Amino acid sequence: MTVKLEINTKQLTENLDNFVLSIKELTKPKVLEQISRAVFSITGERFMVDIDNYARMNKKKMHHVYEWGRVGDKLSRLFVLERSAMLDGNLLISTKFLPSKMPVPISPKLLIPGKTGKSVSRKSIFANKASVMEAGTPVSFTAKRVLAIMGGTDIAFIAPGTQINILHPGGIQTKNAFASYLLEWYTTKGNTIMDSSGLYERIANDVSTVLSSNNSGVAQVREAVTKIADQIDTGAVIK
């Protein structure tokens, strides 16, 4: 006796089509946007640690992006990273400089009373120190009162009305120093850190688990990735 059993190829191909569509969902903008949230948090947090370490070893280059006398202190950063957007599968990260809130330091010699019994006591805040020094923008202003500044090892006095020009506020080394480090760091370390972070393996494992269940598909893949991103995401701004 011979029995004929018809193979349900329609059901087979439908299941395979659903599986392929579900896998392809990982390359769609909505899912990539979720992945980018996690990527930004993982790389951004690591960048902050690394730049603090770099700044402590390269104070002449990086002192401008921290409060006065606090180079490399995570609580004294004058910059943040911002997750701007996802564009064609690429995560766009921007930076923003914060205003300084600490007074400009006064040389100890200027705090010692002179022959007239007077000393420098008025303090000023250079709010835009980070952005101005990073850009290497010259600073010009007119003295409104007698100013005492350190000229080498001696004190120099500047009369009111004198035009003062500072060509390299912060020093020559600060110009584009932050931007250069940021670009080099993400170019050389970004992908390496993500490869070792375990994020991609976790996504692959969770998606595989979801697709092994009945009636799973594109929506479930999206939900699985979103859940992972929610657990890792520290926000659109890293301080």
C-alpha atoms as a PDB file:
ATOM      1  CA  MET A   1       0.000   0.000   0.000  1.00  0.00           C
ATOM      2  CA  THR A   2       1.208   3.439  -0.840  1.00  0.00           C
ATOM      3  CA  VAL A   3       0.172   6.590   1.009  1.00  0.00           C
ATOM      4  CA  LYS A   4       0.507  10.003  -0.552  1.00  0.00           C
ATOM      5  CA  LEU A   5       1.169  12.908   1.809  1.00  0.00           C
ATOM      6  CA  GLU A   6       1.103  16.350   0.350  1.00  0.00           C
ATOM      7  CA  ILE A   7       3.797  18.706   1.610  1.00  0.00           C
ATOM      8  CA  ASN A   8       2.341  22.052   2.655  1.00  0.00           C
ATOM      9  CA  THR A   9       4.922  24.228   0.913  1.00  0.00           C
ATOM     10  CA  LYS A  10       2.689  27.263   1.226  1.00  0.00           C
ATOM     11  CA  GLN A  11       2.863  27.162   5.007  1.00  0.00           C
ATOM     12  CA  LEU A  12       6.597  26.520   4.857  1.00  0.00           C
ATOM     13  CA  THR A  13       7.297  29.477   2.594  1.00  0.00           C
ATOM     14  CA  GLU A  14       5.026  31.726   4.636  1.00  0.00           C
ATOM     15  CA  ASN A  15       6.961  30.871   7.782  1.00  0.00           C
ATOM     16  CA  LEU A  16      10.286  31.468   6.054  1.00  0.00           C
ATOM     17  CA  ASP A  17       9.071  34.754   4.581  1.00  0.00           C
ATOM     18  CA  ASN A  18       7.980  35.883   8.019  1.00  0.00           C
ATOM     19  CA  PHE A  19      11.358  34.909   9.475  1.00  0.00           C
ATOM     20  CA  VAL A  20      13.242  36.807   6.758  1.00  0.00           C
ATOM     21  CA  LEU A  21      11.061  39.882   7.220  1.00  0.00           C
ATOM     22  CA  SER A  22      11.618  39.738  10.963  1.00  0.00           C
ATOM     23  CA  ILE A  23      15.400  39.585  10.538  1.00  0.00           C
ATOM     24  CA  LYS A  24      15.322  42.429   8.022  1.00  0.00           C
ATOM     25  CA  GLU A  25      13.505  44.515  10.626  1.00  0.00           C
ATOM     26  CA  LEU A  26      16.855  44.901  12.390  1.00  0.00           C
ATOM     27  CA  THR A  27      18.008  47.111   9.511  1.00  0.00           C
ATOM     28  CA  LYS A  28      14.918  49.314   9.466  1.00  0.00           C
ATOM     29  CA  PRO A  29      15.068  52.951  10.675  1.00  0.00           C
ATOM     30  CA  LYS A  30      12.774  52.427  13.675  1.00  0.00           C
ATOM     31  CA  VAL A  31      14.875  49.575  15.037  1.00  0.00           C
ATOM     32  CA  LEU A  32      18.172  51.286  14.220  1.00  0.00           C
ATOM     33  CA  GLU A  33      16.936  54.300  16.143  1.00  0.00           C
ATOM     34  CA  GLN A  34      16.491  52.108  19.214  1.00  0.00           C
ATOM     35  CA  ILE A  35      19.933  50.561  18.776  1.00  0.00           C
ATOM     36  CA  SER A  36      21.447  54.034  18.427  1.00  0.00           C
ATOM     37  CA  ARG A  37      20.126  54.957  21.871  1.00  0.00           C
ATOM     38  CA  ALA A  38      22.131  52.131  23.393  1.00  0.00           C
ATOM     39  CA  VAL A  39      25.205  52.819  21.253  1.00  0.00           C
ATOM     40  CA  PHE A  40      25.207  56.481  22.272  1.00  0.00           C
ATOM     41  CA  SER A  41      25.008  55.643  25.973  1.00  0.00           C
ATOM     42  CA  ILE A  42      27.682  52.942  25.856  1.00  0.00           C
ATOM     43  CA  THR A  43      30.207  54.939  23.837  1.00  0.00           C
ATOM     44  CA  GLY A  44      29.356  58.287  25.424  1.00  0.00           C
ATOM     45  CA  GLU A  45      29.873  57.121  28.991  1.00  0.00           C
ATOM     46  CA  ARG A  46      33.199  55.533  28.033  1.00  0.00           C
ATOM     47  CA  PHE A  47      34.293  58.661  26.162  1.00  0.00           C
ATOM     48  CA  MET A  48      33.711  60.789  29.243  1.00  0.00           C
ATOM     49  CA  VAL A  49      35.944  58.570  31.359  1.00  0.00           C
ATOM     50  CA  ASP A  50      38.669  58.537  28.734  1.00  0.00           C
ATOM     51  CA  ILE A  51      38.689  62.281  28.090  1.00  0.00           C
ATOM     52  CA  ASP A  52      38.937  62.987  31.825  1.00  0.00           C
ATOM     53  CA  ASN A  53      42.018  60.761  31.993  1.00  0.00           C
ATOM     54  CA  TYR A  54      43.466  62.341  28.853  1.00  0.00           C
ATOM     55  CA  ALA A  55      42.842  65.850  30.175  1.00  0.00           C
ATOM     56  CA  ARG A  56      44.705  65.173  33.420  1.00  0.00           C
ATOM     57  CA  MET A  57      47.735  64.124  31.382  1.00  0.00           C
ATOM     58  CA  ASN A  58      47.404  66.960  28.840  1.00  0.00           C
ATOM     59  CA  LYS A  59      46.348  69.985  30.854  1.00  0.00           C
ATOM     60  CA  LYS A  60      47.691  72.578  28.418  1.00  0.00           C
ATOM     61  CA  LYS A  61      45.424  71.162  25.715  1.00  0.00           C
ATOM     62  CA  MET A  62      42.308  70.453  27.715  1.00  0.00           C
ATOM     63  CA  HIS A  63      42.164  72.868  30.665  1.00  0.00           C
ATOM     64  CA  HIS A  64      39.650  75.077  28.846  1.00  0.00           C
ATOM     65  CA  VAL A  65      36.848  72.506  28.849  1.00  0.00           C
ATOM     66  CA  TYR A  66      36.857  72.221  32.642  1.00  0.00           C
ATOM     67  CA  GLU A  67      36.377  74.732  35.416  1.00  0.00           C
ATOM     68  CA  TRP A  68      39.481  76.638  36.531  1.00  0.00           C
ATOM     69  CA  GLY A  69      41.953  74.414  38.362  1.00  0.00           C
ATOM     70  CA  ARG A  70      39.784  71.299  38.013  1.00  0.00           C
ATOM     71  CA  VAL A  71      41.061  69.702  34.830  1.00  0.00           C
ATOM     72  CA  GLY A  72      39.854  66.124  34.438  1.00  0.00           C
ATOM     73  CA  ASP A  73      37.229  66.417  37.183  1.00  0.00           C
ATOM     74  CA  LYS A  74      33.979  64.836  35.986  1.00  0.00           C
ATOM     75  CA  LEU A  75      31.976  67.260  38.106  1.00  0.00           C
ATOM     76  CA  SER A  76      33.691  70.263  36.508  1.00  0.00           C
ATOM     77  CA  ARG A  77      33.207  69.506  32.808  1.00  0.00           C
ATOM     78  CA  LEU A  78      32.191  72.414  30.594  1.00  0.00           C
ATOM     79  CA  PHE A  79      30.866  70.186  27.831  1.00  0.00           C
ATOM     80  CA  VAL A  80      28.179  67.618  27.154  1.00  0.00           C
ATOM     81  CA  LEU A  81      27.543  65.051  24.436  1.00  0.00           C
ATOM     82  CA  GLU A  82      24.171  65.133  22.703  1.00  0.00           C
ATOM     83  CA  ARG A  83      22.457  62.417  20.694  1.00  0.00           C
ATOM     84  CA  SER A  84      21.368  64.443  17.696  1.00  0.00           C
ATOM     85  CA  ALA A  85      19.735  62.034  15.270  1.00  0.00           C
ATOM     86  CA  MET A  86      19.899  58.847  13.243  1.00  0.00           C
ATOM     87  CA  LEU A  87      20.555  59.438   9.563  1.00  0.00           C
ATOM     88  CA  ASP A  88      20.788  56.574   7.046  1.00  0.00           C
ATOM     89  CA  GLY A  89      21.881  54.158   9.733  1.00  0.00           C
ATOM     90  CA  ASN A  90      24.439  56.538  11.212  1.00  0.00           C
ATOM     91  CA  LEU A  91      24.271  57.917  14.743  1.00  0.00           C
ATOM     92  CA  LEU A  92      24.912  61.663  14.833  1.00  0.00           C
ATOM     93  CA  ILE A  93      26.571  62.950  17.995  1.00  0.00           C
ATOM     94  CA  SER A  94      27.047  66.628  18.708  1.00  0.00           C
ATOM     95  CA  THR A  95      28.704  68.544  21.533  1.00  0.00           C
ATOM     96  CA  LYS A  96      27.753  71.603  23.506  1.00  0.00           C
ATOM     97  CA  PHE A  97      29.959  73.788  25.674  1.00  0.00           C
ATOM     98  CA  LEU A  98      28.633  74.958  29.018  1.00  0.00           C
ATOM     99  CA  PRO A  99      29.282  78.373  30.607  1.00  0.00           C
ATOM    100  CA  SER A 100      31.938  78.584  33.305  1.00  0.00           C
ATOM    101  CA  LYS A 101      30.618  79.640  36.689  1.00  0.00           C
ATOM    102  CA  MET A 102      33.886  79.996  38.571  1.00  0.00           C
ATOM    103  CA  PRO A 103      35.854  83.283  38.820  1.00  0.00           C
ATOM    104  CA  VAL A 104      39.040  83.589  36.808  1.00  0.00           C
ATOM    105  CA  PRO A 105      41.949  82.751  39.137  1.00  0.00           C
ATOM    106  CA  ILE A 106      44.029  85.651  40.411  1.00  0.00           C
ATOM    107  CA  SER A 107      47.794  85.280  40.692  1.00  0.00           C
ATOM    108  CA  PRO A 108      48.878  85.053  44.373  1.00  0.00           C
ATOM    109  CA  LYS A 109      51.262  87.980  43.824  1.00  0.00           C
ATOM    110  CA  LEU A 110      48.349  90.219  42.906  1.00  0.00           C
ATOM    111  CA  LEU A 111      46.644  89.413  46.184  1.00  0.00           C
ATOM    112  CA  ILE A 112      49.512  90.928  48.183  1.00  0.00           C
ATOM    113  CA  PRO A 113      48.893  94.618  49.043  1.00  0.00           C
ATOM    114  CA  GLY A 114      51.229  96.989  47.218  1.00  0.00           C
ATOM    115  CA  LYS A 115      52.765 100.279  48.353  1.00  0.00           C
ATOM    116  CA  THR A 116      49.367 101.901  48.447  1.00  0.00           C
ATOM    117  CA  GLY A 117      47.981  99.086  50.543  1.00  0.00           C
ATOM    118  CA  LYS A 118      45.714  97.960  47.729  1.00  0.00           C
ATOM    119  CA  SER A 119      45.507  94.518  46.173  1.00  0.00           C
ATOM    120  CA  VAL A 120      43.464  92.885  43.445  1.00  0.00           C
ATOM    121  CA  SER A 121      40.156  91.808  44.917  1.00  0.00           C
ATOM    122  CA  ARG A 122      37.596  92.096  42.151  1.00  0.00           C
ATOM    123  CA  LYS A 123      36.867  88.786  40.480  1.00  0.00           C
ATOM    124  CA  SER A 124      35.443  88.190  37.005  1.00  0.00           C
ATOM    125  CA  ILE A 125      33.883  85.193  35.318  1.00  0.00           C
ATOM    126  CA  PHE A 126      34.901  84.186  31.813  1.00  0.00           C
ATOM    127  CA  ALA A 127      31.635  82.432  31.030  1.00  0.00           C
ATOM    128  CA  ASN A 128      32.501  81.379  27.476  1.00  0.00           C
ATOM    129  CA  LYS A 129      36.029  80.182  28.223  1.00  0.00           C
ATOM    130  CA  ALA A 130      35.448  76.700  26.785  1.00  0.00           C
ATOM    131  CA  SER A 131      34.016  77.762  23.428  1.00  0.00           C
ATOM    132  CA  VAL A 132      36.326  80.779  22.971  1.00  0.00           C
ATOM    133  CA  MET A 133      39.525  78.879  23.817  1.00  0.00           C
ATOM    134  CA  GLU A 134      38.499  75.856  21.756  1.00  0.00           C
ATOM    135  CA  ALA A 135      37.918  78.085  18.727  1.00  0.00           C
ATOM    136  CA  GLY A 136      41.143  79.991  19.360  1.00  0.00           C
ATOM    137  CA  THR A 137      39.204  83.231  19.031  1.00  0.00           C
ATOM    138  CA  PRO A 138      41.217  86.347  19.926  1.00  0.00           C
ATOM    139  CA  VAL A 139      39.776  88.393  22.776  1.00  0.00           C
ATOM    140  CA  SER A 140      39.767  92.199  22.752  1.00  0.00           C
ATOM    141  CA  PHE A 141      38.415  94.597  25.324  1.00  0.00           C
ATOM    142  CA  THR A 142      38.959  98.075  26.732  1.00  0.00           C
ATOM    143  CA  ALA A 143      40.090  98.410  30.335  1.00  0.00           C
ATOM    144  CA  LYS A 144      37.408 100.208  32.331  1.00  0.00           C
ATOM    145  CA  ARG A 145      39.629 100.666  35.373  1.00  0.00           C
ATOM    146  CA  VAL A 146      43.254 100.211  36.333  1.00  0.00           C
ATOM    147  CA  LEU A 147      44.157  96.594  35.750  1.00  0.00           C
ATOM    148  CA  ALA A 148      47.026  94.726  37.323  1.00  0.00           C
ATOM    149  CA  ILE A 149      48.308  91.719  35.422  1.00  0.00           C
ATOM    150  CA  MET A 150      51.304  89.456  35.663  1.00  0.00           C
ATOM    151  CA  GLY A 151      53.871  90.252  33.000  1.00  0.00           C
ATOM    152  CA  GLY A 152      56.335  87.403  33.347  1.00  0.00           C
ATOM    153  CA  THR A 153      57.519  87.618  36.948  1.00  0.00           C
ATOM    154  CA  ASP A 154      56.554  91.272  37.458  1.00  0.00           C
ATOM    155  CA  ILE A 155      53.266  93.055  37.920  1.00  0.00           C
ATOM    156  CA  ALA A 156      52.173  95.335  35.087  1.00  0.00           C
ATOM    157  CA  PHE A 157      49.542  98.026  35.474  1.00  0.00           C
ATOM    158  CA  ILE A 158      47.219  98.956  32.608  1.00  0.00           C
ATOM    159  CA  ALA A 159      45.527 102.354  32.506  1.00  0.00           C
ATOM    160  CA  PRO A 160      41.776 102.732  31.980  1.00  0.00           C
ATOM    161  CA  GLY A 161      40.820 103.113  28.306  1.00  0.00           C
ATOM    162  CA  THR A 162      43.674 100.912  27.121  1.00  0.00           C
ATOM    163  CA  GLN A 163      42.750  98.448  24.363  1.00  0.00           C
ATOM    164  CA  ILE A 164      43.790  94.933  25.367  1.00  0.00           C
ATOM    165  CA  ASN A 165      44.201  92.191  22.776  1.00  0.00           C
ATOM    166  CA  ILE A 166      44.729  88.551  23.702  1.00  0.00           C
ATOM    167  CA  LEU A 167      45.585  86.550  20.581  1.00  0.00           C
ATOM    168  CA  HIS A 168      45.545  83.094  22.112  1.00  0.00           C
ATOM    169  CA  PRO A 169      43.302  82.930  25.179  1.00  0.00           C
ATOM    170  CA  GLY A 170      44.065  79.668  26.925  1.00  0.00           C
ATOM    171  CA  GLY A 171      47.222  79.141  24.885  1.00  0.00           C
ATOM    172  CA  ILE A 172      47.855  77.888  21.370  1.00  0.00           C
ATOM    173  CA  GLN A 173      47.372  74.227  22.297  1.00  0.00           C
ATOM    174  CA  THR A 174      43.698  74.585  23.224  1.00  0.00           C
ATOM    175  CA  LYS A 175      42.570  75.445  19.681  1.00  0.00           C
ATOM    176  CA  ASN A 176      40.436  72.563  18.354  1.00  0.00           C
ATOM    177  CA  ALA A 177      41.936  70.270  21.009  1.00  0.00           C
ATOM    178  CA  PHE A 178      38.581  68.983  22.248  1.00  0.00           C
ATOM    179  CA  ALA A 179      37.169  68.467  18.742  1.00  0.00           C
ATOM    180  CA  SER A 180      40.316  66.663  17.610  1.00  0.00           C
ATOM    181  CA  TYR A 181      40.238  64.286  20.571  1.00  0.00           C
ATOM    182  CA  LEU A 182      36.524  63.597  20.102  1.00  0.00           C
ATOM    183  CA  LEU A 183      36.936  62.786  16.409  1.00  0.00           C
ATOM    184  CA  GLU A 184      40.016  60.627  16.944  1.00  0.00           C
ATOM    185  CA  TRP A 185      38.409  58.770  19.852  1.00  0.00           C
ATOM    186  CA  TYR A 186      35.229  57.840  17.999  1.00  0.00           C
ATOM    187  CA  THR A 187      37.176  56.982  14.844  1.00  0.00           C
ATOM    188  CA  THR A 188      39.660  54.674  16.550  1.00  0.00           C
ATOM    189  CA  LYS A 189      37.730  53.361  19.558  1.00  0.00           C
ATOM    190  CA  GLY A 190      34.013  53.632  18.872  1.00  0.00           C
ATOM    191  CA  ASN A 191      33.501  50.392  16.947  1.00  0.00           C
ATOM    192  CA  THR A 192      35.972  48.475  19.100  1.00  0.00           C
ATOM    193  CA  ILE A 193      34.121  49.392  22.260  1.00  0.00           C
ATOM    194  CA  MET A 194      30.789  48.421  20.729  1.00  0.00           C
ATOM    195  CA  ASP A 195      32.171  45.086  19.523  1.00  0.00           C
ATOM    196  CA  SER A 196      33.288  44.262  23.055  1.00  0.00           C
ATOM    197  CA  SER A 197      30.214  45.694  24.781  1.00  0.00           C
ATOM    198  CA  GLY A 198      28.078  42.611  24.227  1.00  0.00           C
ATOM    199  CA  LEU A 199      25.186  44.705  22.856  1.00  0.00           C
ATOM    200  CA  TYR A 200      25.052  43.066  19.444  1.00  0.00           C
ATOM    201  CA  GLU A 201      25.267  39.563  20.909  1.00  0.00           C
ATOM    202  CA  ARG A 202      22.474  40.405  23.326  1.00  0.00           C
ATOM    203  CA  ILE A 203      20.260  41.669  20.512  1.00  0.00           C
ATOM    204  CA  ALA A 204      20.971  38.546  18.437  1.00  0.00           C
ATOM    205  CA  ASN A 205      20.172  36.246  21.354  1.00  0.00           C
ATOM    206  CA  ASP A 206      16.969  38.029  22.351  1.00  0.00           C
ATOM    207  CA  VAL A 207      15.727  38.236  18.775  1.00  0.00           C
ATOM    208  CA  SER A 208      16.480  34.532  18.240  1.00  0.00           C
ATOM    209  CA  THR A 209      14.500  33.704  21.371  1.00  0.00           C
ATOM    210  CA  VAL A 210      11.573  35.813  20.203  1.00  0.00           C
ATOM    211  CA  LEU A 211      11.533  34.252  16.740  1.00  0.00           C
ATOM    212  CA  SER A 212      11.564  30.749  18.187  1.00  0.00           C
ATOM    213  CA  SER A 213       8.112  31.420  19.623  1.00  0.00           C
ATOM    214  CA  ASN A 214       4.920  30.884  17.695  1.00  0.00           C
ATOM    215  CA  ASN A 215       3.194  33.840  16.049  1.00  0.00           C
ATOM    216  CA  SER A 216       6.241  36.071  16.440  1.00  0.00           C
ATOM    217  CA  GLY A 217       7.287  38.531  13.813  1.00  0.00           C
ATOM    218  CA  VAL A 218       8.339  42.060  13.009  1.00  0.00           C
ATOM    219  CA  ALA A 219       6.526  43.670  15.946  1.00  0.00           C
ATOM    220  CA  GLN A 220       8.090  41.283  18.450  1.00  0.00           C
ATOM    221  CA  VAL A 221      11.576  41.911  17.062  1.00  0.00           C
ATOM    222  CA  ARG A 222      11.035  45.634  17.419  1.00  0.00           C
ATOM    223  CA  GLU A 223       9.798  45.191  20.974  1.00  0.00           C
ATOM    224  CA  ALA A 224      12.800  43.051  21.918  1.00  0.00           C
ATOM    225  CA  VAL A 225      15.280  45.633  20.656  1.00  0.00           C
ATOM    226  CA  THR A 226      13.385  48.493  22.278  1.00  0.00           C
ATOM    227  CA  LYS A 227      13.421  46.691  25.620  1.00  0.00           C
ATOM    228  CA  ILE A 228      17.198  46.323  25.468  1.00  0.00           C
ATOM    229  CA  ALA A 229      17.629  49.982  24.498  1.00  0.00           C
ATOM    230  CA  ASP A 230      15.395  51.080  27.392  1.00  0.00           C
ATOM    231  CA  GLN A 231      17.606  49.214  29.855  1.00  0.00           C
ATOM    232  CA  ILE A 232      20.835  50.785  28.545  1.00  0.00           C
ATOM    233  CA  ASP A 233      19.744  54.279  27.513  1.00  0.00           C
ATOM    234  CA  THR A 234      20.976  56.973  29.924  1.00  0.00           C
ATOM    235  CA  GLY A 235      19.370  59.839  28.038  1.00  0.00           C
ATOM    236  CA  ALA A 236      19.946  62.031  24.987  1.00  0.00           C
ATOM    237  CA  VAL A 237      22.534  64.128  26.845  1.00  0.00           C
ATOM    238  CA  ILE A 238      25.613  62.835  28.656  1.00  0.00           C
ATOM    239  CA  LYS A 239      27.240  65.245  31.091  1.00  0.00           C
END
